[in-house]
Every structure is written in C-alpha cells, then in structure tokens.
C-alpha cells in the first residue's frame, strides 16, 4: 500500500510542476531571406488577460475562437510587443494562432533590417507582476535562457537565430530542459509505469523499456501533434493496467506518443528534448520494473497499484485541459 501512495505523490508532484506564469518567445529563421518567425507560447488564462478571445461566449476556447479574434490578438499581443532592428521597427507580415495540447501558440512573421534586434514586451504592464517573458520555448523544446523581461524591465535584446542546420548549443540546452520537464509530466510517468509495472519480470521489462526509449528518441523528430498523443498515452496506460503481460509493442507506442508530444524543430532541439526525456524516464522505468516485481508477490495490492498510473495520466490530461478553460 505504501508503494501505491508513493505513486500517487509522484503524480501530484509532476502535475504541480506544470504551472508557470511565463510567456515563452522563440525567434527562428522564417524561410525567405530577411524573414524571421516569432513563436509565442502561453496559457489561455494568460492570453485572456491580454485580449478578449472567447468569440462565442461559451467559456471554452476553440480554434474557431482564435480565428475569429485575429484582429483582437494583433491589437492585444502583437502590437504590444514591437520588434526592432537597429532602431527600426520590423515589418509584421502576418500572424496566426493555434490551439495546442495544453497551451496556445501564436506565430508571426517579420521582415527585419540588419542590426541588433530588440523587443519591447509592453503587455507585461497589463499582466500581474509575477509574470515574465522568457526567450525560448519550454513547451516546444526550443530556444534557451537567453534573457527575460519582467515588471518594468520590458525591453530586451533578442539574439538573431543561427542559420538553418547549424549547431546551436543554447537551443540544445533549452530543449534538454524541456525534455526533462516533459519526462516528469504525469502523463509520461503514468503511461510508462502502467506498462512496466504489469511486465513484472526484469528481462521482458528491460526489453520493453529499451524499445520505449528508442521509440521516444525517434519520434521526438516528428512535428505536430501526431494523433492526440495524450489520448494515445491514456489508451496505453489502460492497456498496460488491464493486461497481465502487456505486449512489447505497447511500450513502443508509449515511447512514440511521448516523443511526438511537441516534437519536431531543428535537429539540436530534437536531440536535446530526446536526451532530456530519456535521462528522466530511464531510471523511472527501472523503478517501475522493480515495483512491479515486488508487488507481484502481493496480488491484491498489485491489482490496485497497476491502476494508479492510469489515474496519473487522467490527472495530467485534466491539468492540461484546465489550463485552456476559463
């Protein structure tokens, strides 16, 4: 029973780590010469303080709301974070907003002259004092801790992004930290524990763990949501808990879903987020195997314990959903 309580505490701790009053900003090459793409990631609650975006008034945010409130987003967000190059304001070409799994992504394209890039995040004056803007994206595994704005210090220098295909150590470090954070999420632990607890055998479990981590690393390069990874993780967790000896392919699917959650980007980012996730989940998998072997000797406790990870995934899914509600 103590093992069951320990699993529950781990789930709650991982969910608590999700919350942050931070707006992440990433600047990357935009394709055509002289064009830069700026990506802003934030929660729905944060965006609601900057712009009225609930277009239909149903208290739930949808992609349709974001599309209908494009002008409001430009006025409340983009106009309040002007980007300049050598003192000249960059030309904003277009903007778009996306509803992601647990957060929002705003993307704008700019044409900037040569010279030092600086940006004034004036919208911080509207947000509570504890909010800050961080250059880089913890959610997408991009960027780095290259600077931040908070309070009255709203203007910061923005490093120009490196050419496509080049190695970016700072981007790797930030992606590594993002991978660690993703590996500590309740969805990741829940799905992994559900599969490996039920293995209850070291040899088979180690093979499943290896397949899962390899699949995670490979699918970290997949861009986009890839068939709602959180839903896949929930199905994996239920499948692992409901079967006495989960098939090894279930571990591979678990790793693929974990890797595809916010995967893609430049190769230093893919490598960093995969390394960070594996660093956390490899020892977690060993702990899950040890618990499974130990609890198999106590059938009643084992039957209860193998469903605790499913609760972890549900907690993580609810936590992400609640950040998109009002």
C-alpha atoms as a PDB file:
ATOM      1  CA  UNK A   1       0.000   0.000   0.000  1.00  0.00           C
ATOM      2  CA  UNK A   2       2.919   2.342   0.684  1.00  0.00           C
ATOM      3  CA  UNK A   3       4.046   1.815  -2.912  1.00  0.00           C
ATOM      4  CA  UNK A   4       0.595   2.868  -4.126  1.00  0.00           C
ATOM      5  CA  UNK A   5       0.728   6.044  -2.015  1.00  0.00           C
ATOM      6  CA  UNK A   6       4.210   6.816  -3.333  1.00  0.00           C
ATOM      7  CA  UNK A   7       2.954   6.585  -6.908  1.00  0.00           C
ATOM      8  CA  UNK A   8       0.134   8.997  -6.097  1.00  0.00           C
ATOM      9  CA  UNK A   9       2.538  11.527  -4.567  1.00  0.00           C
ATOM     10  CA  UNK A  10       4.743  11.377  -7.673  1.00  0.00           C
ATOM     11  CA  UNK A  11       1.736  12.047  -9.887  1.00  0.00           C
ATOM     12  CA  UNK A  12       0.674  15.064  -7.833  1.00  0.00           C
ATOM     13  CA  UNK A  13       4.205  16.489  -7.816  1.00  0.00           C
ATOM     14  CA  UNK A  14       4.526  16.152 -11.574  1.00  0.00           C
ATOM     15  CA  UNK A  15       1.199  17.882 -12.136  1.00  0.00           C
ATOM     16  CA  UNK A  16       2.148  20.768  -9.817  1.00  0.00           C
ATOM     17  CA  UNK A  17       5.329  21.357 -11.857  1.00  0.00           C
ATOM     18  CA  UNK A  18       3.236  22.152 -14.939  1.00  0.00           C
ATOM     19  CA  UNK A  19       2.047  25.547 -13.737  1.00  0.00           C
ATOM     20  CA  UNK A  20       4.098  28.660 -14.602  1.00  0.00           C
ATOM     21  CA  UNK A  21       3.317  32.348 -15.086  1.00  0.00           C
ATOM     22  CA  UNK A  22       5.612  32.585 -18.093  1.00  0.00           C
ATOM     23  CA  UNK A  23       5.260  33.654 -21.709  1.00  0.00           C
ATOM     24  CA  UNK A  24       7.827  31.904 -23.913  1.00  0.00           C
ATOM     25  CA  UNK A  25       9.128  33.594 -27.054  1.00  0.00           C
ATOM     26  CA  UNK A  26      11.250  31.994 -29.765  1.00  0.00           C
ATOM     27  CA  UNK A  27      12.729  33.690 -32.836  1.00  0.00           C
ATOM     28  CA  UNK A  28      13.766  31.452 -35.727  1.00  0.00           C
ATOM     29  CA  UNK A  29      14.552  31.768 -39.460  1.00  0.00           C
ATOM     30  CA  UNK A  30      11.351  32.264 -41.434  1.00  0.00           C
ATOM     31  CA  UNK A  31      12.348  30.748 -44.771  1.00  0.00           C
ATOM     32  CA  UNK A  32      12.857  33.651 -47.238  1.00  0.00           C
ATOM     33  CA  UNK A  33      15.993  35.756 -46.666  1.00  0.00           C
ATOM     34  CA  UNK A  34      15.429  38.523 -44.148  1.00  0.00           C
ATOM     35  CA  UNK A  35      12.228  36.977 -42.763  1.00  0.00           C
ATOM     36  CA  UNK A  36      12.067  35.842 -39.140  1.00  0.00           C
ATOM     37  CA  UNK A  37       9.388  33.760 -37.439  1.00  0.00           C
ATOM     38  CA  UNK A  38       8.463  34.561 -33.861  1.00  0.00           C
ATOM     39  CA  UNK A  39       6.574  31.954 -31.839  1.00  0.00           C
ATOM     40  CA  UNK A  40       4.844  32.855 -28.584  1.00  0.00           C
ATOM     41  CA  UNK A  41       3.583  30.101 -26.261  1.00  0.00           C
ATOM     42  CA  UNK A  42       1.327  30.866 -23.303  1.00  0.00           C
ATOM     43  CA  UNK A  43      -1.734  29.616 -21.464  1.00  0.00           C
ATOM     44  CA  UNK A  44      -5.304  30.522 -22.307  1.00  0.00           C
ATOM     45  CA  UNK A  45      -5.688  32.215 -18.925  1.00  0.00           C
ATOM     46  CA  UNK A  46      -2.732  34.469 -19.709  1.00  0.00           C
ATOM     47  CA  UNK A  47      -3.989  35.328 -23.175  1.00  0.00           C
ATOM     48  CA  UNK A  48      -7.445  36.167 -21.819  1.00  0.00           C
ATOM     49  CA  UNK A  49      -5.859  38.966 -19.768  1.00  0.00           C
ATOM     50  CA  UNK A  50      -4.374  40.480 -22.933  1.00  0.00           C
ATOM     51  CA  UNK A  51      -7.164  40.081 -25.434  1.00  0.00           C
ATOM     52  CA  UNK A  52     -10.873  39.075 -25.486  1.00  0.00           C
ATOM     53  CA  UNK A  53     -10.718  35.790 -27.385  1.00  0.00           C
ATOM     54  CA  UNK A  54     -13.874  33.910 -26.342  1.00  0.00           C
ATOM     55  CA  UNK A  55     -15.688  34.756 -29.584  1.00  0.00           C
ATOM     56  CA  UNK A  56     -18.836  32.667 -28.977  1.00  0.00           C
ATOM     57  CA  UNK A  57     -19.075  33.324 -25.213  1.00  0.00           C
ATOM     58  CA  UNK A  58     -19.306  29.647 -24.230  1.00  0.00           C
ATOM     59  CA  UNK A  59     -16.430  29.918 -21.714  1.00  0.00           C
ATOM     60  CA  UNK A  60     -14.433  27.309 -23.672  1.00  0.00           C
ATOM     61  CA  UNK A  61     -11.605  28.131 -26.028  1.00  0.00           C
ATOM     62  CA  UNK A  62     -11.614  26.650 -29.531  1.00  0.00           C
ATOM     63  CA  UNK A  63      -9.635  27.111 -32.719  1.00  0.00           C
ATOM     64  CA  UNK A  64     -12.647  28.928 -34.130  1.00  0.00           C
ATOM     65  CA  UNK A  65     -12.439  31.492 -31.325  1.00  0.00           C
ATOM     66  CA  UNK A  66      -8.796  32.182 -32.150  1.00  0.00           C
ATOM     67  CA  UNK A  67      -9.507  32.527 -35.859  1.00  0.00           C
ATOM     68  CA  UNK A  68     -12.401  34.903 -35.251  1.00  0.00           C
ATOM     69  CA  UNK A  69     -10.366  37.095 -32.898  1.00  0.00           C
ATOM     70  CA  UNK A  70      -7.338  37.607 -35.119  1.00  0.00           C
ATOM     71  CA  UNK A  71      -7.614  41.418 -35.010  1.00  0.00           C
ATOM     72  CA  UNK A  72      -8.024  41.384 -31.237  1.00  0.00           C
ATOM     73  CA  UNK A  73      -4.897  39.255 -30.923  1.00  0.00           C
ATOM     74  CA  UNK A  74      -2.929  41.647 -33.096  1.00  0.00           C
ATOM     75  CA  UNK A  75      -4.040  44.608 -31.002  1.00  0.00           C
ATOM     76  CA  UNK A  76      -3.656  42.972 -27.591  1.00  0.00           C
ATOM     77  CA  UNK A  77      -0.493  40.964 -28.179  1.00  0.00           C
ATOM     78  CA  UNK A  78       1.476  41.715 -31.349  1.00  0.00           C
ATOM     79  CA  UNK A  79       1.057  45.491 -31.252  1.00  0.00           C
ATOM     80  CA  UNK A  80       2.208  45.399 -27.635  1.00  0.00           C
ATOM     81  CA  UNK A  81       5.485  43.572 -28.343  1.00  0.00           C
ATOM     82  CA  UNK A  82       7.146  45.581 -31.150  1.00  0.00           C
ATOM     83  CA  UNK A  83      10.322  44.093 -32.630  1.00  0.00           C
ATOM     84  CA  UNK A  84      13.028  46.453 -33.927  1.00  0.00           C
ATOM     85  CA  UNK A  85      16.318  46.046 -35.797  1.00  0.00           C
ATOM     86  CA  UNK A  86      18.942  48.769 -35.316  1.00  0.00           C
ATOM     87  CA  UNK A  87      16.202  51.028 -34.001  1.00  0.00           C
ATOM     88  CA  UNK A  88      13.891  50.494 -36.982  1.00  0.00           C
ATOM     89  CA  UNK A  89      10.607  48.678 -36.435  1.00  0.00           C
ATOM     90  CA  UNK A  90      10.397  45.315 -38.220  1.00  0.00           C
ATOM     91  CA  UNK A  91       7.599  44.843 -40.731  1.00  0.00           C
ATOM     92  CA  UNK A  92       4.995  42.366 -39.490  1.00  0.00           C
ATOM     93  CA  UNK A  93       3.899  40.271 -42.450  1.00  0.00           C
ATOM     94  CA  UNK A  94       1.224  38.004 -40.976  1.00  0.00           C
ATOM     95  CA  UNK A  95       0.135  36.326 -37.744  1.00  0.00           C
ATOM     96  CA  UNK A  96      -1.704  33.140 -36.856  1.00  0.00           C
ATOM     97  CA  UNK A  97      -2.821  31.415 -33.632  1.00  0.00           C
ATOM     98  CA  UNK A  98      -3.060  27.692 -32.842  1.00  0.00           C
ATOM     99  CA  UNK A  99      -4.755  25.724 -30.079  1.00  0.00           C
ATOM    100  CA  UNK A 100      -2.245  23.128 -28.856  1.00  0.00           C
ATOM    101  CA  UNK A 101      -2.335  20.326 -26.296  1.00  0.00           C
ATOM    102  CA  UNK A 102      -2.364  22.275 -23.023  1.00  0.00           C
ATOM    103  CA  UNK A 103      -1.220  25.662 -24.316  1.00  0.00           C
ATOM    104  CA  UNK A 104      -1.638  28.248 -27.061  1.00  0.00           C
ATOM    105  CA  UNK A 105       0.820  29.083 -29.818  1.00  0.00           C
ATOM    106  CA  UNK A 106       0.903  32.459 -31.566  1.00  0.00           C
ATOM    107  CA  UNK A 107       3.118  32.790 -34.614  1.00  0.00           C
ATOM    108  CA  UNK A 108       4.127  35.888 -36.559  1.00  0.00           C
ATOM    109  CA  UNK A 109       6.437  36.556 -39.500  1.00  0.00           C
ATOM    110  CA  UNK A 110       8.622  39.658 -39.609  1.00  0.00           C
ATOM    111  CA  UNK A 111      10.941  41.239 -42.139  1.00  0.00           C
ATOM    112  CA  UNK A 112      13.800  42.938 -40.302  1.00  0.00           C
ATOM    113  CA  UNK A 113      16.746  45.028 -41.396  1.00  0.00           C
ATOM    114  CA  UNK A 114      20.310  44.206 -40.375  1.00  0.00           C
ATOM    115  CA  UNK A 115      21.470  45.219 -36.919  1.00  0.00           C
ATOM    116  CA  UNK A 116      20.756  44.445 -33.296  1.00  0.00           C
ATOM    117  CA  UNK A 117      17.288  43.077 -32.590  1.00  0.00           C
ATOM    118  CA  UNK A 118      15.409  44.417 -29.593  1.00  0.00           C
ATOM    119  CA  UNK A 119      11.850  43.818 -28.440  1.00  0.00           C
ATOM    120  CA  UNK A 120       9.627  45.704 -26.014  1.00  0.00           C
ATOM    121  CA  UNK A 121       7.104  43.441 -24.289  1.00  0.00           C
ATOM    122  CA  UNK A 122       4.766  46.210 -23.238  1.00  0.00           C
ATOM    123  CA  UNK A 123       1.933  43.775 -22.498  1.00  0.00           C
ATOM    124  CA  UNK A 124       3.737  42.913 -19.232  1.00  0.00           C
ATOM    125  CA  UNK A 125       2.277  46.137 -17.840  1.00  0.00           C
ATOM    126  CA  UNK A 126      -1.168  44.559 -18.110  1.00  0.00           C
ATOM    127  CA  UNK A 127      -0.219  41.222 -16.536  1.00  0.00           C
ATOM    128  CA  UNK A 128       0.375  40.637 -12.794  1.00  0.00           C
ATOM    129  CA  UNK A 129       3.865  41.483 -11.540  1.00  0.00           C
ATOM    130  CA  UNK A 130       4.903  37.820 -11.213  1.00  0.00           C
ATOM    131  CA  UNK A 131       4.643  37.252 -14.975  1.00  0.00           C
ATOM    132  CA  UNK A 132       7.750  37.255 -17.133  1.00  0.00           C
ATOM    133  CA  UNK A 133       8.745  36.707 -20.736  1.00  0.00           C
ATOM    134  CA  UNK A 134      11.484  34.152 -21.391  1.00  0.00           C
ATOM    135  CA  UNK A 135      13.350  33.903 -24.687  1.00  0.00           C
ATOM    136  CA  UNK A 136      12.930  30.312 -25.696  1.00  0.00           C
ATOM    137  CA  UNK A 137      10.111  27.775 -25.522  1.00  0.00           C
ATOM    138  CA  UNK A 138       9.915  25.221 -22.746  1.00  0.00           C
ATOM    139  CA  UNK A 139       6.849  23.622 -24.370  1.00  0.00           C
ATOM    140  CA  UNK A 140       8.445  23.061 -27.820  1.00  0.00           C
ATOM    141  CA  UNK A 141      11.947  22.323 -26.695  1.00  0.00           C
ATOM    142  CA  UNK A 142      13.420  25.323 -28.490  1.00  0.00           C
ATOM    143  CA  UNK A 143      15.484  28.331 -27.592  1.00  0.00           C
ATOM    144  CA  UNK A 144      17.364  28.910 -24.362  1.00  0.00           C
ATOM    145  CA  UNK A 145      17.554  31.045 -21.287  1.00  0.00           C
ATOM    146  CA  UNK A 146      18.996  33.912 -23.345  1.00  0.00           C
ATOM    147  CA  UNK A 147      17.196  36.609 -21.420  1.00  0.00           C
ATOM    148  CA  UNK A 148      13.896  37.557 -19.883  1.00  0.00           C
ATOM    149  CA  UNK A 149      11.675  40.565 -19.293  1.00  0.00           C
ATOM    150  CA  UNK A 150       9.658  41.192 -16.145  1.00  0.00           C
ATOM    151  CA  UNK A 151       7.937  44.057 -14.406  1.00  0.00           C
ATOM    152  CA  UNK A 152       9.185  47.445 -15.580  1.00  0.00           C
ATOM    153  CA  UNK A 153      12.111  45.866 -17.470  1.00  0.00           C
ATOM    154  CA  UNK A 154      10.171  45.148 -20.649  1.00  0.00           C
ATOM    155  CA  UNK A 155      12.780  45.728 -23.374  1.00  0.00           C
ATOM    156  CA  UNK A 156      15.443  43.097 -24.062  1.00  0.00           C
ATOM    157  CA  UNK A 157      17.954  42.270 -26.774  1.00  0.00           C
ATOM    158  CA  UNK A 158      16.934  39.311 -28.926  1.00  0.00           C
ATOM    159  CA  UNK A 159      19.808  37.241 -30.382  1.00  0.00           C
ATOM    160  CA  UNK A 160      19.488  36.601 -34.088  1.00  0.00           C
ATOM    161  CA  UNK A 161      18.765  32.928 -34.781  1.00  0.00           C
ATOM    162  CA  UNK A 162      21.573  30.857 -36.310  1.00  0.00           C
ATOM    163  CA  UNK A 163      21.329  29.695 -39.934  1.00  0.00           C
ATOM    164  CA  UNK A 164      19.187  26.573 -40.510  1.00  0.00           C
ATOM    165  CA  UNK A 165      21.087  23.324 -39.975  1.00  0.00           C
ATOM    166  CA  UNK A 166      23.813  24.768 -37.769  1.00  0.00           C
ATOM    167  CA  UNK A 167      24.559  23.566 -34.237  1.00  0.00           C
ATOM    168  CA  UNK A 168      23.092  25.743 -31.508  1.00  0.00           C
ATOM    169  CA  UNK A 169      24.335  24.816 -28.059  1.00  0.00           C
ATOM    170  CA  UNK A 170      21.932  27.192 -26.330  1.00  0.00           C
ATOM    171  CA  UNK A 171      18.980  25.681 -28.207  1.00  0.00           C
ATOM    172  CA  UNK A 172      20.133  22.187 -27.230  1.00  0.00           C
ATOM    173  CA  UNK A 173      20.369  23.149 -23.549  1.00  0.00           C
ATOM    174  CA  UNK A 174      16.880  24.658 -23.537  1.00  0.00           C
ATOM    175  CA  UNK A 175      15.455  21.654 -25.371  1.00  0.00           C
ATOM    176  CA  UNK A 176      17.184  19.354 -22.895  1.00  0.00           C
ATOM    177  CA  UNK A 177      15.487  21.182 -20.017  1.00  0.00           C
ATOM    178  CA  UNK A 178      12.177  20.954 -21.855  1.00  0.00           C
ATOM    179  CA  UNK A 179      12.717  17.222 -22.322  1.00  0.00           C
ATOM    180  CA  UNK A 180      13.344  16.803 -18.601  1.00  0.00           C
ATOM    181  CA  UNK A 181      10.125  18.676 -17.876  1.00  0.00           C
ATOM    182  CA  UNK A 182       8.197  16.545 -20.355  1.00  0.00           C
ATOM    183  CA  UNK A 183       9.661  13.399 -18.823  1.00  0.00           C
ATOM    184  CA  UNK A 184       8.451  14.490 -15.379  1.00  0.00           C
ATOM    185  CA  UNK A 185       4.875  15.024 -16.549  1.00  0.00           C
ATOM    186  CA  UNK A 186       2.164  12.819 -15.006  1.00  0.00           C
ATOM    187  CA  UNK A 187       1.180  11.565 -18.465  1.00  0.00           C
ATOM    188  CA  UNK A 188       4.704  10.307 -19.130  1.00  0.00           C
ATOM    189  CA  UNK A 189       5.128   8.622 -15.769  1.00  0.00           C
ATOM    190  CA  UNK A 190       1.625   7.246 -15.770  1.00  0.00           C
ATOM    191  CA  UNK A 191       1.835   5.571 -19.188  1.00  0.00           C
ATOM    192  CA  UNK A 192       5.351   4.242 -18.581  1.00  0.00           C
ATOM    193  CA  UNK A 193       4.541   2.884 -15.127  1.00  0.00           C
ATOM    194  CA  UNK A 194       1.297   1.279 -16.319  1.00  0.00           C
ATOM    195  CA  UNK A 195       3.146  -0.737 -18.957  1.00  0.00           C
ATOM    196  CA  UNK A 196       6.263  -1.651 -16.969  1.00  0.00           C
ATOM    197  CA  UNK A 197       4.503  -2.421 -13.685  1.00  0.00           C
ATOM    198  CA  UNK A 198       2.437  -5.059 -15.438  1.00  0.00           C
ATOM    199  CA  UNK A 199       5.534  -6.608 -17.049  1.00  0.00           C
ATOM    200  CA  UNK A 200       6.552  -7.774 -13.554  1.00  0.00           C
ATOM    201  CA  UNK A 201       9.650  -9.506 -14.994  1.00  0.00           C
ATOM    202  CA  UNK A 202      13.101  -7.995 -15.351  1.00  0.00           C
ATOM    203  CA  UNK A 203      14.133  -9.476 -18.695  1.00  0.00           C
ATOM    204  CA  UNK A 204      10.917  -8.680 -20.534  1.00  0.00           C
ATOM    205  CA  UNK A 205      10.582  -5.355 -18.761  1.00  0.00           C
ATOM    206  CA  UNK A 206      14.086  -4.190 -19.693  1.00  0.00           C
ATOM    207  CA  UNK A 207      13.412  -5.072 -23.321  1.00  0.00           C
ATOM    208  CA  UNK A 208      10.161  -3.107 -23.210  1.00  0.00           C
ATOM    209  CA  UNK A 209      11.886  -0.135 -21.574  1.00  0.00           C
ATOM    210  CA  UNK A 210      14.590  -0.151 -24.241  1.00  0.00           C
ATOM    211  CA  UNK A 211      12.019  -0.240 -27.039  1.00  0.00           C
ATOM    212  CA  UNK A 212      10.041   2.574 -25.442  1.00  0.00           C
ATOM    213  CA  UNK A 213      13.062   4.853 -25.023  1.00  0.00           C
ATOM    214  CA  UNK A 214      14.269   4.152 -28.565  1.00  0.00           C
ATOM    215  CA  UNK A 215      10.805   4.927 -29.927  1.00  0.00           C
ATOM    216  CA  UNK A 216      10.699   8.135 -27.869  1.00  0.00           C
ATOM    217  CA  UNK A 217      14.019   9.298 -29.317  1.00  0.00           C
ATOM    218  CA  UNK A 218      12.955   8.548 -32.892  1.00  0.00           C
ATOM    219  CA  UNK A 219       9.550  10.222 -32.632  1.00  0.00           C
ATOM    220  CA  UNK A 220      10.970  13.356 -30.978  1.00  0.00           C
ATOM    221  CA  UNK A 221      11.704  14.498 -34.519  1.00  0.00           C
ATOM    222  CA  UNK A 222       8.062  14.250 -35.595  1.00  0.00           C
ATOM    223  CA  UNK A 223       6.481  17.685 -35.958  1.00  0.00           C
ATOM    224  CA  UNK A 224       2.900  18.338 -34.950  1.00  0.00           C
ATOM    225  CA  UNK A 225       0.539  16.700 -32.530  1.00  0.00           C
ATOM    226  CA  UNK A 226       0.534  13.186 -34.083  1.00  0.00           C
ATOM    227  CA  UNK A 227      -2.960  11.893 -33.378  1.00  0.00           C
ATOM    228  CA  UNK A 228      -3.516  13.458 -29.943  1.00  0.00           C
ATOM    229  CA  UNK A 229      -0.560  11.942 -28.021  1.00  0.00           C
ATOM    230  CA  UNK A 230      -2.276  12.419 -24.646  1.00  0.00           C
ATOM    231  CA  UNK A 231      -5.213  10.267 -25.775  1.00  0.00           C
ATOM    232  CA  UNK A 232      -2.773   7.629 -27.030  1.00  0.00           C
ATOM    233  CA  UNK A 233      -0.962   7.667 -23.678  1.00  0.00           C
ATOM    234  CA  UNK A 234      -4.257   7.149 -21.862  1.00  0.00           C
ATOM    235  CA  UNK A 235      -5.088   4.157 -24.063  1.00  0.00           C
ATOM    236  CA  UNK A 236      -1.599   2.764 -23.486  1.00  0.00           C
ATOM    237  CA  UNK A 237      -1.967   3.156 -19.718  1.00  0.00           C
ATOM    238  CA  UNK A 238      -5.347   1.409 -19.695  1.00  0.00           C
ATOM    239  CA  UNK A 239      -3.983  -1.352 -21.920  1.00  0.00           C
ATOM    240  CA  UNK A 240      -0.992  -1.867 -19.650  1.00  0.00           C
ATOM    241  CA  UNK A 241      -3.102  -1.973 -16.496  1.00  0.00           C
ATOM    242  CA  UNK A 242      -5.746  -4.280 -17.974  1.00  0.00           C
ATOM    243  CA  UNK A 243      -3.357  -6.971 -19.275  1.00  0.00           C
ATOM    244  CA  UNK A 244      -1.292  -9.392 -17.217  1.00  0.00           C
ATOM    245  CA  UNK A 245       1.612  -9.322 -19.680  1.00  0.00           C
ATOM    246  CA  UNK A 246       1.447  -6.241 -21.933  1.00  0.00           C
ATOM    247  CA  UNK A 247       2.831  -6.811 -25.445  1.00  0.00           C
ATOM    248  CA  UNK A 248       6.175  -5.169 -26.138  1.00  0.00           C
ATOM    249  CA  UNK A 249       4.624  -3.116 -28.921  1.00  0.00           C
ATOM    250  CA  UNK A 250       2.663  -1.259 -26.229  1.00  0.00           C
ATOM    251  CA  UNK A 251       5.942   0.057 -24.807  1.00  0.00           C
ATOM    252  CA  UNK A 252       6.991   1.201 -28.278  1.00  0.00           C
ATOM    253  CA  UNK A 253       3.674   3.020 -28.784  1.00  0.00           C
ATOM    254  CA  UNK A 254       4.091   4.663 -25.382  1.00  0.00           C
ATOM    255  CA  UNK A 255       7.534   5.973 -26.352  1.00  0.00           C
ATOM    256  CA  UNK A 256       6.289   7.185 -29.743  1.00  0.00           C
ATOM    257  CA  UNK A 257       3.439   9.144 -28.148  1.00  0.00           C
ATOM    258  CA  UNK A 258       5.797  10.711 -25.599  1.00  0.00           C
ATOM    259  CA  UNK A 259       8.254  11.725 -28.304  1.00  0.00           C
ATOM    260  CA  UNK A 260       5.553  13.187 -30.539  1.00  0.00           C
ATOM    261  CA  UNK A 261       4.206  15.482 -27.802  1.00  0.00           C
ATOM    262  CA  UNK A 262       5.628  18.737 -29.139  1.00  0.00           C
ATOM    263  CA  UNK A 263       8.266  17.005 -31.254  1.00  0.00           C
ATOM    264  CA  UNK A 264       9.949  18.446 -34.315  1.00  0.00           C
ATOM    265  CA  UNK A 265      12.086  21.523 -34.813  1.00  0.00           C
ATOM    266  CA  UNK A 266      15.767  21.930 -35.612  1.00  0.00           C
ATOM    267  CA  UNK A 267      17.977  18.901 -35.019  1.00  0.00           C
ATOM    268  CA  UNK A 268      19.721  20.339 -31.913  1.00  0.00           C
ATOM    269  CA  UNK A 269      16.261  20.751 -30.387  1.00  0.00           C
ATOM    270  CA  UNK A 270      15.194  17.236 -31.310  1.00  0.00           C
ATOM    271  CA  UNK A 271      18.392  15.813 -29.843  1.00  0.00           C
ATOM    272  CA  UNK A 272      18.071  17.901 -26.689  1.00  0.00           C
ATOM    273  CA  UNK A 273      14.452  17.082 -25.919  1.00  0.00           C
ATOM    274  CA  UNK A 274      15.038  13.370 -26.585  1.00  0.00           C
ATOM    275  CA  UNK A 275      18.112  13.312 -24.322  1.00  0.00           C
ATOM    276  CA  UNK A 276      16.314  15.147 -21.513  1.00  0.00           C
ATOM    277  CA  UNK A 277      13.293  12.857 -21.651  1.00  0.00           C
ATOM    278  CA  UNK A 278      15.380   9.686 -21.748  1.00  0.00           C
ATOM    279  CA  UNK A 279      17.521  10.875 -18.822  1.00  0.00           C
ATOM    280  CA  UNK A 280      14.408  11.127 -16.645  1.00  0.00           C
ATOM    281  CA  UNK A 281      12.396   8.178 -17.922  1.00  0.00           C
ATOM    282  CA  UNK A 282      15.177   5.581 -17.977  1.00  0.00           C
ATOM    283  CA  UNK A 283      15.590   5.489 -14.166  1.00  0.00           C
ATOM    284  CA  UNK A 284      11.819   5.932 -13.745  1.00  0.00           C
ATOM    285  CA  UNK A 285      11.318   2.817 -15.862  1.00  0.00           C
ATOM    286  CA  UNK A 286      13.744   0.859 -13.684  1.00  0.00           C
ATOM    287  CA  UNK A 287      11.810   1.933 -10.603  1.00  0.00           C
ATOM    288  CA  UNK A 288       8.561   0.823 -12.258  1.00  0.00           C
ATOM    289  CA  UNK A 289      10.048  -2.583 -13.057  1.00  0.00           C
ATOM    290  CA  UNK A 290      11.313  -3.038  -9.508  1.00  0.00           C
ATOM    291  CA  UNK A 291       7.906  -2.100  -8.085  1.00  0.00           C
ATOM    292  CA  UNK A 292       6.188  -4.490 -10.462  1.00  0.00           C
ATOM    293  CA  UNK A 293       8.418  -7.400  -9.483  1.00  0.00           C
ATOM    294  CA  UNK A 294       7.935  -6.601  -5.791  1.00  0.00           C
ATOM    295  CA  UNK A 295       4.185  -6.087  -5.955  1.00  0.00           C
ATOM    296  CA  UNK A 296       3.611  -9.236  -7.995  1.00  0.00           C
ATOM    297  CA  UNK A 297       4.207 -11.138  -4.748  1.00  0.00           C
ATOM    298  CA  UNK A 298       1.174  -9.422  -3.234  1.00  0.00           C
ATOM    299  CA  UNK A 299      -1.630  -9.978  -5.772  1.00  0.00           C
ATOM    300  CA  UNK A 300      -4.265  -7.844  -4.048  1.00  0.00           C
ATOM    301  CA  UNK A 301      -2.020  -4.808  -3.766  1.00  0.00           C
ATOM    302  CA  UNK A 302      -0.750  -5.367  -7.303  1.00  0.00           C
ATOM    303  CA  UNK A 303      -4.265  -5.350  -8.772  1.00  0.00           C
ATOM    304  CA  UNK A 304      -4.835  -1.926  -7.205  1.00  0.00           C
ATOM    305  CA  UNK A 305      -1.368  -0.482  -7.843  1.00  0.00           C
ATOM    306  CA  UNK A 306      -1.356  -1.097 -11.589  1.00  0.00           C
ATOM    307  CA  UNK A 307      -4.351   1.229 -11.997  1.00  0.00           C
ATOM    308  CA  UNK A 308      -2.718   4.122 -10.140  1.00  0.00           C
ATOM    309  CA  UNK A 309      -0.644   5.108 -13.227  1.00  0.00           C
ATOM    310  CA  UNK A 310      -3.878   5.393 -15.225  1.00  0.00           C
ATOM    311  CA  UNK A 311      -5.031   7.966 -12.687  1.00  0.00           C
ATOM    312  CA  UNK A 312      -1.728   9.802 -13.266  1.00  0.00           C
ATOM    313  CA  UNK A 313      -2.457  10.107 -16.975  1.00  0.00           C
ATOM    314  CA  UNK A 314      -6.002  11.309 -16.257  1.00  0.00           C
ATOM    315  CA  UNK A 315      -4.640  13.904 -13.809  1.00  0.00           C
ATOM    316  CA  UNK A 316      -2.165  15.130 -16.424  1.00  0.00           C
ATOM    317  CA  UNK A 317      -4.830  15.295 -19.129  1.00  0.00           C
ATOM    318  CA  UNK A 318      -7.224  17.163 -16.826  1.00  0.00           C
ATOM    319  CA  UNK A 319      -4.458  19.549 -15.778  1.00  0.00           C
ATOM    320  CA  UNK A 320      -3.665  20.407 -19.380  1.00  0.00           C
ATOM    321  CA  UNK A 321      -7.343  20.853 -20.203  1.00  0.00           C
ATOM    322  CA  UNK A 322      -7.943  23.087 -17.180  1.00  0.00           C
ATOM    323  CA  UNK A 323      -5.266  25.487 -18.407  1.00  0.00           C
ATOM    324  CA  UNK A 324      -7.367  26.048 -21.528  1.00  0.00           C
ATOM    325  CA  UNK A 325     -10.583  26.736 -19.636  1.00  0.00           C
ATOM    326  CA  UNK A 326     -11.742  29.991 -18.108  1.00  0.00           C
END
